[in-house]
């Protein structure tokens, strides 16, 4: 892949200072990202050690804090589980930085798709409005949402730990079925592609039950144990759900939720975490609070304030 005309190091330094990239540069990085991602499979194979990151939701200064806590790219190998945009004030900076890091160090950072990497959701929960406010038109939103269609949807660490944004689907009990999904599209309203981005574990009941979120399912311990056995996996790491302690472990330590947006929406008061997985596949939850700069550069008009809180 030719990135010679694009100075990625300059772009990364500019973004780390909290400056946005010009519209024509966004077109260039998203085009190059699509070229790169089209060669990646639906389910990415990853080797340990790796640090797994949950939802970050445009909380750019907390993302910078993640790299301070977990190590800078490419010194640390990262797997992000999606939901880069919406809710927070700096979705543009967040997804721009992660895209540039992926282009610069493609073998050291893996970006999966979350349910917010979609045209429909980003028009409601903030990313579209932020692009309009910062660029004066929806073009940058269009470039990024087209790129989202190319993101992989799951990853496997050392053939043992299955990683996904939301979870499991009754339509795809086998990982091989996820490998053959057509992911190059807007997130549909139903079916396996929607389910794995929207579903949540439920320790209170077994089986699959339609989710109160309006998409996906809740799934019980029996479903998780069956999925692990069928696919010869040891553990599931997923994101998608706010955890006040930054993480939660369920089902006899067979499933972990990692949440990486501290003080979510700048008001929830929660901790956040990243999961460091070592060569022995031991998992260490590194927890942290909101970065001191997290509330800086708040826009005069908070377009996200009156949104329905489906996540609660």
C-alpha atoms as a PDB file:
ATOM      1  CA  UNK A   1       0.000   0.000   0.000  1.00  0.00           C
ATOM      2  CA  UNK A   2       1.390   3.356  -1.025  1.00  0.00           C
ATOM      3  CA  UNK A   3       1.174   6.007   1.711  1.00  0.00           C
ATOM      4  CA  UNK A   4       4.077   8.025   0.336  1.00  0.00           C
ATOM      5  CA  UNK A   5       2.001  11.135  -0.461  1.00  0.00           C
ATOM      6  CA  UNK A   6       0.597  11.161   3.060  1.00  0.00           C
ATOM      7  CA  UNK A   7       2.763  12.118   6.042  1.00  0.00           C
ATOM      8  CA  UNK A   8       1.107   9.962   8.700  1.00  0.00           C
ATOM      9  CA  UNK A   9       3.563  10.953  11.434  1.00  0.00           C
ATOM     10  CA  UNK A  10       2.670  14.607  10.855  1.00  0.00           C
ATOM     11  CA  UNK A  11      -1.062  13.767  10.929  1.00  0.00           C
ATOM     12  CA  UNK A  12      -0.664  11.796  14.170  1.00  0.00           C
ATOM     13  CA  UNK A  13       1.288  14.617  15.859  1.00  0.00           C
ATOM     14  CA  UNK A  14      -1.308  17.176  14.730  1.00  0.00           C
ATOM     15  CA  UNK A  15      -4.173  15.055  16.069  1.00  0.00           C
ATOM     16  CA  UNK A  16      -2.402  14.393  19.370  1.00  0.00           C
ATOM     17  CA  UNK A  17      -2.347  18.177  19.855  1.00  0.00           C
ATOM     18  CA  UNK A  18      -6.144  18.141  19.499  1.00  0.00           C
ATOM     19  CA  UNK A  19      -6.170  19.661  15.989  1.00  0.00           C
ATOM     20  CA  UNK A  20      -8.420  18.248  13.284  1.00  0.00           C
ATOM     21  CA  UNK A  21      -7.213  17.207   9.817  1.00  0.00           C
ATOM     22  CA  UNK A  22      -8.437  19.024   6.693  1.00  0.00           C
ATOM     23  CA  UNK A  23     -11.277  17.463   4.726  1.00  0.00           C
ATOM     24  CA  UNK A  24      -9.073  16.404   1.784  1.00  0.00           C
ATOM     25  CA  UNK A  25      -6.700  14.584   4.177  1.00  0.00           C
ATOM     26  CA  UNK A  26      -9.682  12.742   5.726  1.00  0.00           C
ATOM     27  CA  UNK A  27     -10.631  11.582   2.229  1.00  0.00           C
ATOM     28  CA  UNK A  28      -7.085  10.344   1.678  1.00  0.00           C
ATOM     29  CA  UNK A  29      -6.816   8.427   4.974  1.00  0.00           C
ATOM     30  CA  UNK A  30     -10.273   6.852   4.652  1.00  0.00           C
ATOM     31  CA  UNK A  31      -9.564   5.766   1.065  1.00  0.00           C
ATOM     32  CA  UNK A  32      -6.264   4.205   2.136  1.00  0.00           C
ATOM     33  CA  UNK A  33      -7.945   2.614   5.129  1.00  0.00           C
ATOM     34  CA  UNK A  34     -10.532   0.946   2.873  1.00  0.00           C
ATOM     35  CA  UNK A  35      -7.687  -0.414   0.709  1.00  0.00           C
ATOM     36  CA  UNK A  36      -6.070  -1.849   3.830  1.00  0.00           C
ATOM     37  CA  UNK A  37      -9.233  -3.216   5.471  1.00  0.00           C
ATOM     38  CA  UNK A  38     -10.562  -4.951   2.371  1.00  0.00           C
ATOM     39  CA  UNK A  39      -7.695  -7.420   2.781  1.00  0.00           C
ATOM     40  CA  UNK A  40      -8.602  -8.200   6.403  1.00  0.00           C
ATOM     41  CA  UNK A  41     -11.002 -11.026   7.193  1.00  0.00           C
ATOM     42  CA  UNK A  42     -14.266 -10.688   9.133  1.00  0.00           C
ATOM     43  CA  UNK A  43     -12.587 -12.441  12.076  1.00  0.00           C
ATOM     44  CA  UNK A  44      -9.019 -11.270  12.660  1.00  0.00           C
ATOM     45  CA  UNK A  45      -6.379 -13.619  14.098  1.00  0.00           C
ATOM     46  CA  UNK A  46      -4.273 -11.841  16.728  1.00  0.00           C
ATOM     47  CA  UNK A  47      -1.262 -12.967  18.753  1.00  0.00           C
ATOM     48  CA  UNK A  48      -0.661 -12.159  22.394  1.00  0.00           C
ATOM     49  CA  UNK A  49       0.459 -10.073  24.187  1.00  0.00           C
ATOM     50  CA  UNK A  50      -2.275  -7.623  23.286  1.00  0.00           C
ATOM     51  CA  UNK A  51      -4.173  -4.848  25.066  1.00  0.00           C
ATOM     52  CA  UNK A  52      -7.928  -4.855  24.447  1.00  0.00           C
ATOM     53  CA  UNK A  53      -9.898  -1.586  24.542  1.00  0.00           C
ATOM     54  CA  UNK A  54     -13.676  -1.224  24.862  1.00  0.00           C
ATOM     55  CA  UNK A  55     -15.982   1.670  23.953  1.00  0.00           C
ATOM     56  CA  UNK A  56     -14.308   5.104  23.877  1.00  0.00           C
ATOM     57  CA  UNK A  57     -17.165   7.162  22.355  1.00  0.00           C
ATOM     58  CA  UNK A  58     -15.372  10.287  21.206  1.00  0.00           C
ATOM     59  CA  UNK A  59     -13.720  10.912  24.598  1.00  0.00           C
ATOM     60  CA  UNK A  60     -10.501  11.892  22.862  1.00  0.00           C
ATOM     61  CA  UNK A  61      -8.497  13.018  25.900  1.00  0.00           C
ATOM     62  CA  UNK A  62      -9.292   9.723  27.601  1.00  0.00           C
ATOM     63  CA  UNK A  63      -8.033   7.904  24.487  1.00  0.00           C
ATOM     64  CA  UNK A  64      -4.738   9.786  24.791  1.00  0.00           C
ATOM     65  CA  UNK A  65      -4.683   8.637  28.413  1.00  0.00           C
ATOM     66  CA  UNK A  66      -5.123   5.007  27.285  1.00  0.00           C
ATOM     67  CA  UNK A  67      -1.884   5.250  25.300  1.00  0.00           C
ATOM     68  CA  UNK A  68      -0.121   6.722  28.347  1.00  0.00           C
ATOM     69  CA  UNK A  69      -1.387   3.915  30.592  1.00  0.00           C
ATOM     70  CA  UNK A  70      -1.107   0.984  28.195  1.00  0.00           C
ATOM     71  CA  UNK A  71       1.888   2.116  26.145  1.00  0.00           C
ATOM     72  CA  UNK A  72       2.215   4.002  22.888  1.00  0.00           C
ATOM     73  CA  UNK A  73       1.669   2.420  19.477  1.00  0.00           C
ATOM     74  CA  UNK A  74       3.628   0.502  18.136  1.00  0.00           C
ATOM     75  CA  UNK A  75       5.296  -0.510  21.435  1.00  0.00           C
ATOM     76  CA  UNK A  76       2.011  -2.052  22.582  1.00  0.00           C
ATOM     77  CA  UNK A  77      -0.185  -4.266  20.396  1.00  0.00           C
ATOM     78  CA  UNK A  78      -3.800  -2.988  20.549  1.00  0.00           C
ATOM     79  CA  UNK A  79      -7.224  -4.427  19.776  1.00  0.00           C
ATOM     80  CA  UNK A  80     -10.115  -1.931  19.865  1.00  0.00           C
ATOM     81  CA  UNK A  81     -13.631  -3.383  20.101  1.00  0.00           C
ATOM     82  CA  UNK A  82     -15.528  -0.517  18.432  1.00  0.00           C
ATOM     83  CA  UNK A  83     -17.738   2.457  19.342  1.00  0.00           C
ATOM     84  CA  UNK A  84     -15.153   5.124  18.565  1.00  0.00           C
ATOM     85  CA  UNK A  85     -17.713   7.850  17.880  1.00  0.00           C
ATOM     86  CA  UNK A  86     -20.897   9.446  19.305  1.00  0.00           C
ATOM     87  CA  UNK A  87     -21.743  10.702  22.805  1.00  0.00           C
ATOM     88  CA  UNK A  88     -18.353  12.366  23.459  1.00  0.00           C
ATOM     89  CA  UNK A  89     -17.328  15.799  22.159  1.00  0.00           C
ATOM     90  CA  UNK A  90     -14.334  14.699  20.062  1.00  0.00           C
ATOM     91  CA  UNK A  91     -15.428  11.839  17.815  1.00  0.00           C
ATOM     92  CA  UNK A  92     -13.690  13.417  14.804  1.00  0.00           C
ATOM     93  CA  UNK A  93     -10.315  13.571  16.565  1.00  0.00           C
ATOM     94  CA  UNK A  94     -10.750  10.070  18.029  1.00  0.00           C
ATOM     95  CA  UNK A  95     -11.560   8.208  14.813  1.00  0.00           C
ATOM     96  CA  UNK A  96      -9.028  10.297  12.834  1.00  0.00           C
ATOM     97  CA  UNK A  97      -6.225   9.374  15.244  1.00  0.00           C
ATOM     98  CA  UNK A  98      -7.101   5.671  15.379  1.00  0.00           C
ATOM     99  CA  UNK A  99      -7.340   5.549  11.576  1.00  0.00           C
ATOM    100  CA  UNK A 100      -3.911   7.178  11.177  1.00  0.00           C
ATOM    101  CA  UNK A 101      -2.374   4.823  13.757  1.00  0.00           C
ATOM    102  CA  UNK A 102      -3.833   1.816  11.933  1.00  0.00           C
ATOM    103  CA  UNK A 103      -2.391   3.040   8.624  1.00  0.00           C
ATOM    104  CA  UNK A 104       0.985   3.771  10.218  1.00  0.00           C
ATOM    105  CA  UNK A 105       1.245   0.505  12.209  1.00  0.00           C
ATOM    106  CA  UNK A 106      -1.180  -1.918  10.524  1.00  0.00           C
ATOM    107  CA  UNK A 107       0.144  -5.039  12.288  1.00  0.00           C
ATOM    108  CA  UNK A 108       0.099  -3.398  15.751  1.00  0.00           C
ATOM    109  CA  UNK A 109      -3.466  -2.108  15.967  1.00  0.00           C
ATOM    110  CA  UNK A 110      -6.740  -3.820  15.088  1.00  0.00           C
ATOM    111  CA  UNK A 111     -10.006  -1.883  14.895  1.00  0.00           C
ATOM    112  CA  UNK A 112     -13.308  -3.780  15.084  1.00  0.00           C
ATOM    113  CA  UNK A 113     -16.735  -2.390  14.309  1.00  0.00           C
ATOM    114  CA  UNK A 114     -19.190  -1.418  17.041  1.00  0.00           C
ATOM    115  CA  UNK A 115     -22.905  -0.732  16.741  1.00  0.00           C
ATOM    116  CA  UNK A 116     -22.161   3.027  16.600  1.00  0.00           C
ATOM    117  CA  UNK A 117     -20.008   2.624  13.474  1.00  0.00           C
ATOM    118  CA  UNK A 118     -23.143   3.067  11.400  1.00  0.00           C
ATOM    119  CA  UNK A 119     -24.854   5.801   9.391  1.00  0.00           C
ATOM    120  CA  UNK A 120     -28.188   5.418  11.166  1.00  0.00           C
ATOM    121  CA  UNK A 121     -26.854   5.588  14.747  1.00  0.00           C
ATOM    122  CA  UNK A 122     -24.309   8.386  14.149  1.00  0.00           C
ATOM    123  CA  UNK A 123     -27.049  10.639  12.782  1.00  0.00           C
ATOM    124  CA  UNK A 124     -28.791  10.450  16.159  1.00  0.00           C
ATOM    125  CA  UNK A 125     -26.023  10.218  18.760  1.00  0.00           C
ATOM    126  CA  UNK A 126     -23.623  13.006  17.856  1.00  0.00           C
ATOM    127  CA  UNK A 127     -21.007  12.162  15.211  1.00  0.00           C
ATOM    128  CA  UNK A 128     -22.982  13.610  12.305  1.00  0.00           C
ATOM    129  CA  UNK A 129     -23.674  16.858  14.198  1.00  0.00           C
ATOM    130  CA  UNK A 130     -20.026  17.123  15.255  1.00  0.00           C
ATOM    131  CA  UNK A 131     -18.820  16.749  11.657  1.00  0.00           C
ATOM    132  CA  UNK A 132     -21.270  19.452  10.576  1.00  0.00           C
ATOM    133  CA  UNK A 133     -20.087  21.758  13.365  1.00  0.00           C
ATOM    134  CA  UNK A 134     -16.364  21.244  12.713  1.00  0.00           C
ATOM    135  CA  UNK A 135     -16.347  21.067   8.898  1.00  0.00           C
ATOM    136  CA  UNK A 136     -19.526  22.921   7.919  1.00  0.00           C
ATOM    137  CA  UNK A 137     -20.806  20.028   5.793  1.00  0.00           C
ATOM    138  CA  UNK A 138     -21.467  16.274   6.084  1.00  0.00           C
ATOM    139  CA  UNK A 139     -18.655  15.144   3.764  1.00  0.00           C
ATOM    140  CA  UNK A 140     -16.259  13.993   6.507  1.00  0.00           C
ATOM    141  CA  UNK A 141     -19.119  12.061   8.151  1.00  0.00           C
ATOM    142  CA  UNK A 142     -19.756  10.402   4.770  1.00  0.00           C
ATOM    143  CA  UNK A 143     -16.075   9.451   4.325  1.00  0.00           C
ATOM    144  CA  UNK A 144     -15.851   7.849   7.769  1.00  0.00           C
ATOM    145  CA  UNK A 145     -19.208   6.044   7.661  1.00  0.00           C
ATOM    146  CA  UNK A 146     -18.241   4.533   4.284  1.00  0.00           C
ATOM    147  CA  UNK A 147     -14.988   3.376   5.899  1.00  0.00           C
ATOM    148  CA  UNK A 148     -16.931   1.811   8.805  1.00  0.00           C
ATOM    149  CA  UNK A 149     -18.460  -0.705   6.373  1.00  0.00           C
ATOM    150  CA  UNK A 150     -14.974  -2.180   5.888  1.00  0.00           C
ATOM    151  CA  UNK A 151     -14.090  -2.790   9.560  1.00  0.00           C
ATOM    152  CA  UNK A 152     -13.719  -6.383  10.755  1.00  0.00           C
ATOM    153  CA  UNK A 153     -16.359  -7.574  13.209  1.00  0.00           C
ATOM    154  CA  UNK A 154     -14.502 -10.011  15.487  1.00  0.00           C
ATOM    155  CA  UNK A 155     -11.030 -11.178  16.500  1.00  0.00           C
ATOM    156  CA  UNK A 156      -9.472 -14.262  18.067  1.00  0.00           C
ATOM    157  CA  UNK A 157      -6.424 -14.056  20.342  1.00  0.00           C
ATOM    158  CA  UNK A 158      -4.122 -17.118  20.125  1.00  0.00           C
ATOM    159  CA  UNK A 159      -6.972 -19.375  18.929  1.00  0.00           C
ATOM    160  CA  UNK A 160      -8.421 -19.139  22.445  1.00  0.00           C
ATOM    161  CA  UNK A 161     -10.092 -15.792  23.273  1.00  0.00           C
ATOM    162  CA  UNK A 162     -12.981 -14.602  21.112  1.00  0.00           C
ATOM    163  CA  UNK A 163     -13.357 -10.802  20.942  1.00  0.00           C
ATOM    164  CA  UNK A 164     -16.375  -8.900  19.614  1.00  0.00           C
ATOM    165  CA  UNK A 165     -18.227  -5.662  20.319  1.00  0.00           C
ATOM    166  CA  UNK A 166     -21.534  -7.008  21.628  1.00  0.00           C
ATOM    167  CA  UNK A 167     -21.643 -10.764  21.706  1.00  0.00           C
ATOM    168  CA  UNK A 168     -23.425 -13.765  20.294  1.00  0.00           C
ATOM    169  CA  UNK A 169     -26.174 -14.434  17.757  1.00  0.00           C
ATOM    170  CA  UNK A 170     -28.710 -17.264  17.466  1.00  0.00           C
ATOM    171  CA  UNK A 171     -28.082 -17.084  13.688  1.00  0.00           C
ATOM    172  CA  UNK A 172     -24.337 -17.763  14.045  1.00  0.00           C
ATOM    173  CA  UNK A 173     -23.481 -20.341  16.725  1.00  0.00           C
ATOM    174  CA  UNK A 174     -20.211 -21.108  14.909  1.00  0.00           C
ATOM    175  CA  UNK A 175     -17.371 -18.647  14.284  1.00  0.00           C
ATOM    176  CA  UNK A 176     -17.100 -20.088  10.759  1.00  0.00           C
ATOM    177  CA  UNK A 177     -20.534 -18.576  10.062  1.00  0.00           C
ATOM    178  CA  UNK A 178     -19.284 -15.132  11.109  1.00  0.00           C
ATOM    179  CA  UNK A 179     -16.276 -15.550   8.824  1.00  0.00           C
ATOM    180  CA  UNK A 180     -18.537 -15.758   5.756  1.00  0.00           C
ATOM    181  CA  UNK A 181     -20.926 -12.885   6.553  1.00  0.00           C
ATOM    182  CA  UNK A 182     -21.041  -9.995   4.069  1.00  0.00           C
ATOM    183  CA  UNK A 183     -19.762  -7.224   6.345  1.00  0.00           C
ATOM    184  CA  UNK A 184     -19.351  -4.563   3.634  1.00  0.00           C
ATOM    185  CA  UNK A 185     -22.643  -2.811   4.302  1.00  0.00           C
ATOM    186  CA  UNK A 186     -24.502  -0.563   6.720  1.00  0.00           C
ATOM    187  CA  UNK A 187     -25.259  -2.441   9.956  1.00  0.00           C
ATOM    188  CA  UNK A 188     -28.604  -4.148   9.273  1.00  0.00           C
ATOM    189  CA  UNK A 189     -31.526  -4.039  11.707  1.00  0.00           C
ATOM    190  CA  UNK A 190     -31.511  -7.799  12.259  1.00  0.00           C
ATOM    191  CA  UNK A 191     -29.504 -10.942  11.552  1.00  0.00           C
ATOM    192  CA  UNK A 192     -26.102 -12.152  12.692  1.00  0.00           C
ATOM    193  CA  UNK A 193     -24.141  -9.001  11.753  1.00  0.00           C
ATOM    194  CA  UNK A 194     -26.537  -6.847  13.788  1.00  0.00           C
ATOM    195  CA  UNK A 195     -26.669  -9.314  16.703  1.00  0.00           C
ATOM    196  CA  UNK A 196     -22.917  -9.545  17.312  1.00  0.00           C
ATOM    197  CA  UNK A 197     -22.689  -5.743  17.508  1.00  0.00           C
ATOM    198  CA  UNK A 198     -25.815  -5.198  19.661  1.00  0.00           C
ATOM    199  CA  UNK A 199     -26.291  -8.185  22.001  1.00  0.00           C
ATOM    200  CA  UNK A 200     -25.571  -8.358  25.752  1.00  0.00           C
ATOM    201  CA  UNK A 201     -24.987 -11.160  28.272  1.00  0.00           C
ATOM    202  CA  UNK A 202     -27.692 -11.705  30.897  1.00  0.00           C
ATOM    203  CA  UNK A 203     -26.734 -13.527  34.128  1.00  0.00           C
ATOM    204  CA  UNK A 204     -30.408 -13.713  35.160  1.00  0.00           C
ATOM    205  CA  UNK A 205     -31.746 -15.987  32.429  1.00  0.00           C
ATOM    206  CA  UNK A 206     -30.730 -18.632  29.908  1.00  0.00           C
ATOM    207  CA  UNK A 207     -31.120 -18.741  26.157  1.00  0.00           C
ATOM    208  CA  UNK A 208     -31.582 -15.870  23.729  1.00  0.00           C
ATOM    209  CA  UNK A 209     -34.167 -13.191  24.551  1.00  0.00           C
ATOM    210  CA  UNK A 210     -34.914 -10.180  22.336  1.00  0.00           C
ATOM    211  CA  UNK A 211     -33.001  -7.155  23.624  1.00  0.00           C
ATOM    212  CA  UNK A 212     -34.625  -4.081  25.154  1.00  0.00           C
ATOM    213  CA  UNK A 213     -32.149  -2.031  23.090  1.00  0.00           C
ATOM    214  CA  UNK A 214     -34.350  -2.620  20.038  1.00  0.00           C
ATOM    215  CA  UNK A 215     -31.718  -4.714  18.220  1.00  0.00           C
ATOM    216  CA  UNK A 216     -29.855  -7.898  19.072  1.00  0.00           C
ATOM    217  CA  UNK A 217     -30.532 -10.240  22.004  1.00  0.00           C
ATOM    218  CA  UNK A 218     -29.622 -10.868  25.581  1.00  0.00           C
ATOM    219  CA  UNK A 219     -27.882 -14.233  25.946  1.00  0.00           C
ATOM    220  CA  UNK A 220     -27.452 -16.463  28.976  1.00  0.00           C
ATOM    221  CA  UNK A 221     -24.695 -18.564  30.500  1.00  0.00           C
ATOM    222  CA  UNK A 222     -25.872 -21.679  28.635  1.00  0.00           C
ATOM    223  CA  UNK A 223     -25.445 -19.875  25.296  1.00  0.00           C
ATOM    224  CA  UNK A 224     -21.937 -18.726  26.214  1.00  0.00           C
ATOM    225  CA  UNK A 225     -20.825 -22.181  27.381  1.00  0.00           C
ATOM    226  CA  UNK A 226     -22.211 -23.798  24.239  1.00  0.00           C
ATOM    227  CA  UNK A 227     -20.503 -21.220  21.996  1.00  0.00           C
ATOM    228  CA  UNK A 228     -17.134 -21.722  23.753  1.00  0.00           C
ATOM    229  CA  UNK A 229     -17.407 -25.506  23.512  1.00  0.00           C
ATOM    230  CA  UNK A 230     -18.547 -25.528  19.856  1.00  0.00           C
ATOM    231  CA  UNK A 231     -15.749 -23.199  18.785  1.00  0.00           C
ATOM    232  CA  UNK A 232     -13.024 -24.564  21.117  1.00  0.00           C
ATOM    233  CA  UNK A 233     -12.566 -21.160  22.769  1.00  0.00           C
ATOM    234  CA  UNK A 234     -11.626 -20.454  26.392  1.00  0.00           C
ATOM    235  CA  UNK A 235     -13.082 -16.984  26.945  1.00  0.00           C
ATOM    236  CA  UNK A 236     -15.058 -14.117  25.396  1.00  0.00           C
ATOM    237  CA  UNK A 237     -14.030 -10.455  25.707  1.00  0.00           C
ATOM    238  CA  UNK A 238     -16.654  -7.914  24.644  1.00  0.00           C
ATOM    239  CA  UNK A 239     -17.555  -4.260  25.255  1.00  0.00           C
ATOM    240  CA  UNK A 240     -20.857  -2.424  24.577  1.00  0.00           C
ATOM    241  CA  UNK A 241     -22.090  -2.118  28.183  1.00  0.00           C
ATOM    242  CA  UNK A 242     -21.305   0.575  30.724  1.00  0.00           C
ATOM    243  CA  UNK A 243     -19.574  -0.923  33.800  1.00  0.00           C
ATOM    244  CA  UNK A 244     -19.226   1.355  36.818  1.00  0.00           C
ATOM    245  CA  UNK A 245     -15.951  -0.362  37.813  1.00  0.00           C
ATOM    246  CA  UNK A 246     -14.653  -0.302  34.224  1.00  0.00           C
ATOM    247  CA  UNK A 247     -15.128  -4.027  33.706  1.00  0.00           C
ATOM    248  CA  UNK A 248     -17.290  -6.995  34.651  1.00  0.00           C
ATOM    249  CA  UNK A 249     -16.641 -10.743  34.583  1.00  0.00           C
ATOM    250  CA  UNK A 250     -19.523 -13.231  34.258  1.00  0.00           C
ATOM    251  CA  UNK A 251     -20.318 -16.919  33.849  1.00  0.00           C
ATOM    252  CA  UNK A 252     -17.567 -18.505  35.984  1.00  0.00           C
ATOM    253  CA  UNK A 253     -14.964 -16.166  34.484  1.00  0.00           C
ATOM    254  CA  UNK A 254     -15.716 -17.230  30.918  1.00  0.00           C
ATOM    255  CA  UNK A 255     -16.894 -13.812  29.662  1.00  0.00           C
ATOM    256  CA  UNK A 256     -15.515 -10.322  30.337  1.00  0.00           C
ATOM    257  CA  UNK A 257     -16.947  -6.901  29.521  1.00  0.00           C
ATOM    258  CA  UNK A 258     -14.411  -4.094  29.114  1.00  0.00           C
ATOM    259  CA  UNK A 259     -15.533  -0.463  29.175  1.00  0.00           C
ATOM    260  CA  UNK A 260     -12.964   2.211  28.279  1.00  0.00           C
ATOM    261  CA  UNK A 261     -14.870   5.539  28.514  1.00  0.00           C
ATOM    262  CA  UNK A 262     -14.414   6.931  32.066  1.00  0.00           C
ATOM    263  CA  UNK A 263     -17.090   9.272  33.438  1.00  0.00           C
ATOM    264  CA  UNK A 264     -19.187   8.326  30.393  1.00  0.00           C
ATOM    265  CA  UNK A 265     -21.026  11.230  28.783  1.00  0.00           C
ATOM    266  CA  UNK A 266     -19.088  13.423  31.251  1.00  0.00           C
ATOM    267  CA  UNK A 267     -21.604  12.617  33.986  1.00  0.00           C
ATOM    268  CA  UNK A 268     -21.844   8.883  34.791  1.00  0.00           C
ATOM    269  CA  UNK A 269     -18.943   8.902  37.267  1.00  0.00           C
ATOM    270  CA  UNK A 270     -17.750   5.441  36.231  1.00  0.00           C
ATOM    271  CA  UNK A 271     -14.226   4.075  36.084  1.00  0.00           C
ATOM    272  CA  UNK A 272     -12.829   2.634  32.836  1.00  0.00           C
ATOM    273  CA  UNK A 273     -10.409  -0.168  31.975  1.00  0.00           C
ATOM    274  CA  UNK A 274      -8.299  -1.782  29.309  1.00  0.00           C
ATOM    275  CA  UNK A 275      -7.514  -5.525  29.364  1.00  0.00           C
ATOM    276  CA  UNK A 276      -3.899  -6.606  29.045  1.00  0.00           C
ATOM    277  CA  UNK A 277      -3.704 -10.195  27.772  1.00  0.00           C
ATOM    278  CA  UNK A 278      -0.279 -11.824  28.200  1.00  0.00           C
ATOM    279  CA  UNK A 279       1.321 -14.818  26.461  1.00  0.00           C
ATOM    280  CA  UNK A 280      -0.207 -17.167  29.061  1.00  0.00           C
ATOM    281  CA  UNK A 281      -3.607 -15.685  28.166  1.00  0.00           C
ATOM    282  CA  UNK A 282      -3.918 -14.214  31.652  1.00  0.00           C
ATOM    283  CA  UNK A 283      -6.105 -11.100  31.686  1.00  0.00           C
ATOM    284  CA  UNK A 284      -5.234  -8.010  33.731  1.00  0.00           C
ATOM    285  CA  UNK A 285      -7.785  -5.179  33.933  1.00  0.00           C
ATOM    286  CA  UNK A 286      -5.903  -1.887  34.117  1.00  0.00           C
ATOM    287  CA  UNK A 287      -8.431   0.634  35.480  1.00  0.00           C
ATOM    288  CA  UNK A 288      -8.344   4.433  35.251  1.00  0.00           C
ATOM    289  CA  UNK A 289     -10.464   7.531  35.851  1.00  0.00           C
ATOM    290  CA  UNK A 290     -11.214  10.390  33.459  1.00  0.00           C
ATOM    291  CA  UNK A 291      -8.249  12.386  32.145  1.00  0.00           C
ATOM    292  CA  UNK A 292      -7.858  15.918  33.561  1.00  0.00           C
ATOM    293  CA  UNK A 293      -8.361  17.398  30.074  1.00  0.00           C
ATOM    294  CA  UNK A 294     -11.460  15.329  29.363  1.00  0.00           C
ATOM    295  CA  UNK A 295     -13.889  18.225  29.725  1.00  0.00           C
ATOM    296  CA  UNK A 296     -11.721  20.751  27.878  1.00  0.00           C
ATOM    297  CA  UNK A 297     -12.780  22.209  24.528  1.00  0.00           C
ATOM    298  CA  UNK A 298     -16.412  21.519  25.252  1.00  0.00           C
ATOM    299  CA  UNK A 299     -18.517  22.943  22.386  1.00  0.00           C
ATOM    300  CA  UNK A 300     -20.769  25.915  23.121  1.00  0.00           C
ATOM    301  CA  UNK A 301     -23.698  23.938  21.787  1.00  0.00           C
ATOM    302  CA  UNK A 302     -23.921  20.483  23.336  1.00  0.00           C
ATOM    303  CA  UNK A 303     -25.876  18.632  20.658  1.00  0.00           C
ATOM    304  CA  UNK A 304     -25.875  15.382  22.654  1.00  0.00           C
ATOM    305  CA  UNK A 305     -27.564  16.583  25.847  1.00  0.00           C
ATOM    306  CA  UNK A 306     -31.167  15.545  25.241  1.00  0.00           C
ATOM    307  CA  UNK A 307     -30.502  12.141  23.698  1.00  0.00           C
ATOM    308  CA  UNK A 308     -32.397   9.050  24.867  1.00  0.00           C
ATOM    309  CA  UNK A 309     -30.208   6.932  27.138  1.00  0.00           C
ATOM    310  CA  UNK A 310     -30.832   3.499  25.638  1.00  0.00           C
ATOM    311  CA  UNK A 311     -27.605   2.273  27.247  1.00  0.00           C
ATOM    312  CA  UNK A 312     -28.880   2.530  30.842  1.00  0.00           C
END
